[in-house]
Amino acid sequence: MGHHRQELLWAVIRAMRVQVVKTNDIVVHQGQVSQQMYIVAEGVFEMLARRPDGSCVTVLSLRDAGMCG
């Protein structure tokens, strides 16, 4: 790995923060701009979208080691 790539990787690692969430916690709202990346260490992370009628549909489901953002 090149020196600059390794520096970039370490910068990303240093910027990471642990965020523990519980079942049904809302992490981000639909339409909200976020600069976060989420990595699922354990459990399931679901991304829901609200339909025009107000109901919700699962658009993404991540399990252990899944990531989005």
PDB file of N, CA and C in Angstrom:
ATOM      1  N   MET A   1       0.858  -1.168   0.000  1.00  0.00           N
ATOM      2  CA  MET A   1       0.000   0.000   0.000  1.00  0.00           C
ATOM      3  C   MET A   1       0.907   1.234   0.000  1.00  0.00           C
ATOM      4  N   GLY A   2       0.602   2.203  -0.855  1.00  0.00           N
ATOM      5  CA  GLY A   2       1.392   3.419  -0.922  1.00  0.00           C
ATOM      6  C   GLY A   2       1.302   4.224   0.361  1.00  0.00           C
ATOM      7  N   HIS A   3       2.304   5.045   0.602  1.00  0.00           N
ATOM      8  CA  HIS A   3       2.386   5.846   1.824  1.00  0.00           C
ATOM      9  C   HIS A   3       1.161   6.749   2.002  1.00  0.00           C
ATOM     10  N   HIS A   4       0.726   7.411   0.933  1.00  0.00           N
ATOM     11  CA  HIS A   4      -0.424   8.319   1.039  1.00  0.00           C
ATOM     12  C   HIS A   4      -1.713   7.566   1.311  1.00  0.00           C
ATOM     13  N   ARG A   5      -1.866   6.398   0.709  1.00  0.00           N
ATOM     14  CA  ARG A   5      -3.058   5.590   0.979  1.00  0.00           C
ATOM     15  C   ARG A   5      -3.082   5.118   2.418  1.00  0.00           C
ATOM     16  N   GLN A   6      -1.925   4.747   2.934  1.00  0.00           N
ATOM     17  CA  GLN A   6      -1.852   4.303   4.320  1.00  0.00           C
ATOM     18  C   GLN A   6      -2.184   5.465   5.265  1.00  0.00           C
ATOM     19  N   GLU A   7      -1.701   6.661   4.971  1.00  0.00           N
ATOM     20  CA  GLU A   7      -2.035   7.835   5.791  1.00  0.00           C
ATOM     21  C   GLU A   7      -3.532   8.109   5.758  1.00  0.00           C
ATOM     22  N   LEU A   8      -4.132   7.990   4.576  1.00  0.00           N
ATOM     23  CA  LEU A   8      -5.570   8.205   4.446  1.00  0.00           C
ATOM     24  C   LEU A   8      -6.346   7.172   5.248  1.00  0.00           C
ATOM     25  N   LEU A   9      -5.941   5.923   5.171  1.00  0.00           N
ATOM     26  CA  LEU A   9      -6.596   4.864   5.933  1.00  0.00           C
ATOM     27  C   LEU A   9      -6.534   5.154   7.430  1.00  0.00           C
ATOM     28  N   TRP A  10      -5.378   5.548   7.922  1.00  0.00           N
ATOM     29  CA  TRP A  10      -5.243   5.851   9.354  1.00  0.00           C
ATOM     30  C   TRP A  10      -6.075   7.071   9.737  1.00  0.00           C
ATOM     31  N   ALA A  11      -6.196   8.048   8.863  1.00  0.00           N
ATOM     32  CA  ALA A  11      -7.033   9.218   9.146  1.00  0.00           C
ATOM     33  C   ALA A  11      -8.498   8.809   9.284  1.00  0.00           C
ATOM     34  N   VAL A  12      -8.945   7.905   8.429  1.00  0.00           N
ATOM     35  CA  VAL A  12     -10.322   7.411   8.511  1.00  0.00           C
ATOM     36  C   VAL A  12     -10.529   6.643   9.809  1.00  0.00           C
ATOM     37  N   ILE A  13      -9.599   5.796  10.155  1.00  0.00           N
ATOM     38  CA  ILE A  13      -9.715   5.017  11.397  1.00  0.00           C
ATOM     39  C   ILE A  13      -9.758   5.934  12.614  1.00  0.00           C
ATOM     40  N   ARG A  14      -8.910   6.958  12.639  1.00  0.00           N
ATOM     41  CA  ARG A  14      -8.902   7.889  13.777  1.00  0.00           C
ATOM     42  C   ARG A  14     -10.203   8.680  13.893  1.00  0.00           C
ATOM     43  N   ALA A  15     -10.877   8.912  12.771  1.00  0.00           N
ATOM     44  CA  ALA A  15     -12.122   9.685  12.777  1.00  0.00           C
ATOM     45  C   ALA A  15     -13.330   8.848  13.213  1.00  0.00           C
ATOM     46  N   MET A  16     -13.190   7.539  13.263  1.00  0.00           N
ATOM     47  CA  MET A  16     -14.313   6.665  13.595  1.00  0.00           C
ATOM     48  C   MET A  16     -14.706   6.795  15.065  1.00  0.00           C
ATOM     49  N   ARG A  17     -15.999   6.709  15.308  1.00  0.00           N
ATOM     50  CA  ARG A  17     -16.542   6.748  16.661  1.00  0.00           C
ATOM     51  C   ARG A  17     -17.559   5.630  16.802  1.00  0.00           C
ATOM     52  N   VAL A  18     -17.602   5.017  17.969  1.00  0.00           N
ATOM     53  CA  VAL A  18     -18.582   3.967  18.242  1.00  0.00           C
ATOM     54  C   VAL A  18     -19.906   4.623  18.614  1.00  0.00           C
ATOM     55  N   GLN A  19     -20.972   4.147  18.006  1.00  0.00           N
ATOM     56  CA  GLN A  19     -22.313   4.610  18.346  1.00  0.00           C
ATOM     57  C   GLN A  19     -23.160   3.376  18.605  1.00  0.00           C
ATOM     58  N   VAL A  20     -23.506   3.153  19.842  1.00  0.00           N
ATOM     59  CA  VAL A  20     -24.327   2.001  20.203  1.00  0.00           C
ATOM     60  C   VAL A  20     -25.791   2.405  20.054  1.00  0.00           C
ATOM     61  N   VAL A  21     -26.545   1.608  19.331  1.00  0.00           N
ATOM     62  CA  VAL A  21     -27.968   1.878  19.160  1.00  0.00           C
ATOM     63  C   VAL A  21     -28.769   0.675  19.633  1.00  0.00           C
ATOM     64  N   LYS A  22     -29.965   0.968  20.109  1.00  0.00           N
ATOM     65  CA  LYS A  22     -30.859  -0.082  20.590  1.00  0.00           C
ATOM     66  C   LYS A  22     -31.936  -0.352  19.536  1.00  0.00           C
ATOM     67  N   THR A  23     -32.642  -1.431  19.710  1.00  0.00           N
ATOM     68  CA  THR A  23     -33.740  -1.773  18.818  1.00  0.00           C
ATOM     69  C   THR A  23     -34.690  -0.590  18.677  1.00  0.00           C
ATOM     70  N   ASN A  24     -35.042  -0.279  17.437  1.00  0.00           N
ATOM     71  CA  ASN A  24     -35.977   0.792  17.074  1.00  0.00           C
ATOM     72  C   ASN A  24     -35.415   2.198  17.236  1.00  0.00           C
ATOM     73  N   ASP A  25     -34.140   2.357  17.560  1.00  0.00           N
ATOM     74  CA  ASP A  25     -33.529   3.686  17.582  1.00  0.00           C
ATOM     75  C   ASP A  25     -33.486   4.237  16.154  1.00  0.00           C
ATOM     76  N   ILE A  26     -33.758   5.516  16.015  1.00  0.00           N
ATOM     77  CA  ILE A  26     -33.659   6.176  14.712  1.00  0.00           C
ATOM     78  C   ILE A  26     -32.302   6.837  14.642  1.00  0.00           C
ATOM     79  N   VAL A  27     -31.519   6.470  13.632  1.00  0.00           N
ATOM     80  CA  VAL A  27     -30.158   6.976  13.487  1.00  0.00           C
ATOM     81  C   VAL A  27     -30.141   8.209  12.588  1.00  0.00           C
ATOM     82  N   VAL A  28     -30.922   8.177  11.519  1.00  0.00           N
ATOM     83  CA  VAL A  28     -31.005   9.301  10.585  1.00  0.00           C
ATOM     84  C   VAL A  28     -32.403   9.292   9.973  1.00  0.00           C
ATOM     85  N   HIS A  29     -32.938  10.467   9.672  1.00  0.00           N
ATOM     86  CA  HIS A  29     -34.275  10.575   9.089  1.00  0.00           C
ATOM     87  C   HIS A  29     -34.190  10.689   7.569  1.00  0.00           C
ATOM     88  N   GLN A  30     -35.197  10.179   6.900  1.00  0.00           N
ATOM     89  CA  GLN A  30     -35.268  10.240   5.444  1.00  0.00           C
ATOM     90  C   GLN A  30     -35.139  11.684   4.979  1.00  0.00           C
ATOM     91  N   GLY A  31     -34.273  11.917   4.007  1.00  0.00           N
ATOM     92  CA  GLY A  31     -34.063  13.253   3.458  1.00  0.00           C
ATOM     93  C   GLY A  31     -33.005  14.062   4.188  1.00  0.00           C
ATOM     94  N   GLN A  32     -32.588  13.605   5.358  1.00  0.00           N
ATOM     95  CA  GLN A  32     -31.565  14.304   6.140  1.00  0.00           C
ATOM     96  C   GLN A  32     -30.195  14.072   5.510  1.00  0.00           C
ATOM     97  N   VAL A  33     -29.434  15.139   5.357  1.00  0.00           N
ATOM     98  CA  VAL A  33     -28.076  15.017   4.834  1.00  0.00           C
ATOM     99  C   VAL A  33     -27.174  14.539   5.966  1.00  0.00           C
ATOM    100  N   SER A  34     -26.382  13.524   5.690  1.00  0.00           N
ATOM    101  CA  SER A  34     -25.487  12.974   6.702  1.00  0.00           C
ATOM    102  C   SER A  34     -24.115  12.742   6.108  1.00  0.00           C
ATOM    103  N   GLN A  35     -23.096  12.982   6.891  1.00  0.00           N
ATOM    104  CA  GLN A  35     -21.732  12.707   6.463  1.00  0.00           C
ATOM    105  C   GLN A  35     -21.172  11.501   7.194  1.00  0.00           C
ATOM    106  N   GLN A  36     -22.069  10.694   7.741  1.00  0.00           N
ATOM    107  CA  GLN A  36     -21.668   9.537   8.525  1.00  0.00           C
ATOM    108  C   GLN A  36     -21.620   8.285   7.660  1.00  0.00           C
ATOM    109  N   MET A  37     -20.787   7.355   8.063  1.00  0.00           N
ATOM    110  CA  MET A  37     -20.771   6.021   7.495  1.00  0.00           C
ATOM    111  C   MET A  37     -21.039   5.074   8.654  1.00  0.00           C
ATOM    112  N   TYR A  38     -21.883   4.106   8.439  1.00  0.00           N
ATOM    113  CA  TYR A  38     -22.245   3.184   9.502  1.00  0.00           C
ATOM    114  C   TYR A  38     -21.751   1.784   9.164  1.00  0.00           C
ATOM    115  N   ILE A  39     -21.106   1.160  10.134  1.00  0.00           N
ATOM    116  CA  ILE A  39     -20.652  -0.217  10.015  1.00  0.00           C
ATOM    117  C   ILE A  39     -21.367  -1.023  11.090  1.00  0.00           C
ATOM    118  N   VAL A  40     -22.050  -2.071  10.701  1.00  0.00           N
ATOM    119  CA  VAL A  40     -22.795  -2.899  11.643  1.00  0.00           C
ATOM    120  C   VAL A  40     -21.837  -3.928  12.238  1.00  0.00           C
ATOM    121  N   ALA A  41     -21.531  -3.785  13.514  1.00  0.00           N
ATOM    122  CA  ALA A  41     -20.633  -4.721  14.186  1.00  0.00           C
ATOM    123  C   ALA A  41     -21.388  -5.970  14.628  1.00  0.00           C
ATOM    124  N   GLU A  42     -22.648  -5.779  15.003  1.00  0.00           N
ATOM    125  CA  GLU A  42     -23.442  -6.889  15.522  1.00  0.00           C
ATOM    126  C   GLU A  42     -24.907  -6.552  15.356  1.00  0.00           C
ATOM    127  N   GLY A  43     -25.690  -7.503  14.940  1.00  0.00           N
ATOM    128  CA  GLY A  43     -27.126  -7.297  14.818  1.00  0.00           C
ATOM    129  C   GLY A  43     -27.544  -6.951  13.406  1.00  0.00           C
ATOM    130  N   VAL A  44     -28.678  -6.251  13.296  1.00  0.00           N
ATOM    131  CA  VAL A  44     -29.269  -5.904  12.001  1.00  0.00           C
ATOM    132  C   VAL A  44     -29.573  -4.413  11.984  1.00  0.00           C
ATOM    133  N   PHE A  45     -29.267  -3.772  10.877  1.00  0.00           N
ATOM    134  CA  PHE A  45     -29.530  -2.350  10.655  1.00  0.00           C
ATOM    135  C   PHE A  45     -30.464  -2.267   9.463  1.00  0.00           C
ATOM    136  N   GLU A  46     -31.641  -1.677   9.651  1.00  0.00           N
ATOM    137  CA  GLU A  46     -32.591  -1.557   8.543  1.00  0.00           C
ATOM    138  C   GLU A  46     -32.789  -0.104   8.166  1.00  0.00           C
ATOM    139  N   MET A  47     -32.846   0.130   6.861  1.00  0.00           N
ATOM    140  CA  MET A  47     -33.134   1.459   6.352  1.00  0.00           C
ATOM    141  C   MET A  47     -34.555   1.411   5.779  1.00  0.00           C
ATOM    142  N   LEU A  48     -35.395   2.295   6.278  1.00  0.00           N
ATOM    143  CA  LEU A  48     -36.788   2.342   5.850  1.00  0.00           C
ATOM    144  C   LEU A  48     -37.037   3.620   5.062  1.00  0.00           C
ATOM    145  N   ALA A  49     -37.957   3.548   4.114  1.00  0.00           N
ATOM    146  CA  ALA A  49     -38.386   4.725   3.353  1.00  0.00           C
ATOM    147  C   ALA A  49     -39.886   4.879   3.548  1.00  0.00           C
ATOM    148  N   ARG A  50     -40.307   6.123   3.679  1.00  0.00           N
ATOM    149  CA  ARG A  50     -41.730   6.392   3.853  1.00  0.00           C
ATOM    150  C   ARG A  50     -42.383   6.541   2.478  1.00  0.00           C
ATOM    151  N   ARG A  51     -43.468   5.838   2.293  1.00  0.00           N
ATOM    152  CA  ARG A  51     -44.241   5.915   1.058  1.00  0.00           C
ATOM    153  C   ARG A  51     -45.164   7.131   1.099  1.00  0.00           C
ATOM    154  N   PRO A  52     -45.672   7.573  -0.051  1.00  0.00           N
ATOM    155  CA  PRO A  52     -46.593   8.718  -0.063  1.00  0.00           C
ATOM    156  C   PRO A  52     -47.823   8.533   0.827  1.00  0.00           C
ATOM    157  N   ASP A  53     -48.251   7.275   1.016  1.00  0.00           N
ATOM    158  CA  ASP A  53     -49.424   7.029   1.866  1.00  0.00           C
ATOM    159  C   ASP A  53     -49.085   7.022   3.359  1.00  0.00           C
ATOM    160  N   GLY A  54     -47.784   7.229   3.698  1.00  0.00           N
ATOM    161  CA  GLY A  54     -47.367   7.293   5.090  1.00  0.00           C
ATOM    162  C   GLY A  54     -46.815   5.987   5.638  1.00  0.00           C
ATOM    163  N   SER A  55     -47.029   4.899   4.943  1.00  0.00           N
ATOM    164  CA  SER A  55     -46.487   3.616   5.400  1.00  0.00           C
ATOM    165  C   SER A  55     -44.994   3.554   5.096  1.00  0.00           C
ATOM    166  N   CYS A  56     -44.303   2.606   5.704  1.00  0.00           N
ATOM    167  CA  CYS A  56     -42.858   2.459   5.514  1.00  0.00           C
ATOM    168  C   CYS A  56     -42.540   1.132   4.852  1.00  0.00           C
ATOM    169  N   VAL A  57     -41.445   1.137   4.093  1.00  0.00           N
ATOM    170  CA  VAL A  57     -40.981  -0.072   3.432  1.00  0.00           C
ATOM    171  C   VAL A  57     -39.481  -0.181   3.685  1.00  0.00           C
ATOM    172  N   THR A  58     -38.981  -1.396   3.944  1.00  0.00           N
ATOM    173  CA  THR A  58     -37.550  -1.620   4.140  1.00  0.00           C
ATOM    174  C   THR A  58     -36.863  -1.570   2.781  1.00  0.00           C
ATOM    175  N   VAL A  59     -35.864  -0.687   2.646  1.00  0.00           N
ATOM    176  CA  VAL A  59     -35.133  -0.569   1.381  1.00  0.00           C
ATOM    177  C   VAL A  59     -33.719  -1.138   1.482  1.00  0.00           C
ATOM    178  N   LEU A  60     -33.251  -1.364   2.710  1.00  0.00           N
ATOM    179  CA  LEU A  60     -31.921  -1.923   2.910  1.00  0.00           C
ATOM    180  C   LEU A  60     -31.882  -2.607   4.263  1.00  0.00           C
ATOM    181  N   SER A  61     -31.274  -3.780   4.308  1.00  0.00           N
ATOM    182  CA  SER A  61     -31.107  -4.510   5.563  1.00  0.00           C
ATOM    183  C   SER A  61     -29.661  -4.983   5.629  1.00  0.00           C
ATOM    184  N   LEU A  62     -28.938  -4.535   6.649  1.00  0.00           N
ATOM    185  CA  LEU A  62     -27.529  -4.894   6.814  1.00  0.00           C
ATOM    186  C   LEU A  62     -27.353  -5.757   8.043  1.00  0.00           C
ATOM    187  N   ARG A  63     -26.457  -6.720   7.945  1.00  0.00           N
ATOM    188  CA  ARG A  63     -26.117  -7.587   9.077  1.00  0.00           C
ATOM    189  C   ARG A  63     -24.640  -7.382   9.421  1.00  0.00           C
ATOM    190  N   ASP A  64     -24.144  -8.193  10.324  1.00  0.00           N
ATOM    191  CA  ASP A  64     -22.763  -8.100  10.801  1.00  0.00           C
ATOM    192  C   ASP A  64     -21.794  -7.803   9.667  1.00  0.00           C
ATOM    193  N   ALA A  65     -20.968  -6.782   9.861  1.00  0.00           N
ATOM    194  CA  ALA A  65     -19.941  -6.319   8.927  1.00  0.00           C
ATOM    195  C   ALA A  65     -20.520  -5.593   7.715  1.00  0.00           C
ATOM    196  N   GLY A  66     -21.819  -5.370   7.660  1.00  0.00           N
ATOM    197  CA  GLY A  66     -22.409  -4.571   6.586  1.00  0.00           C
ATOM    198  C   GLY A  66     -22.111  -3.103   6.832  1.00  0.00           C
ATOM    199  N   MET A  67     -22.128  -2.310   5.770  1.00  0.00           N
ATOM    200  CA  MET A  67     -21.911  -0.869   5.948  1.00  0.00           C
ATOM    201  C   MET A  67     -22.678  -0.072   4.923  1.00  0.00           C
ATOM    202  N   CYS A  68     -22.981   1.178   5.285  1.00  0.00           N
ATOM    203  CA  CYS A  68     -23.654   2.109   4.374  1.00  0.00           C
ATOM    204  C   CYS A  68     -23.271   3.519   4.796  1.00  0.00           C
ATOM    205  N   GLY A  69     -23.544   4.442   3.921  1.00  0.00           N
ATOM    206  CA  GLY A  69     -23.274   5.842   4.243  1.00  0.00           C
ATOM    207  C   GLY A  69     -22.452   6.532   3.217  1.00  0.00           C
TER     208      GLY A  69
END
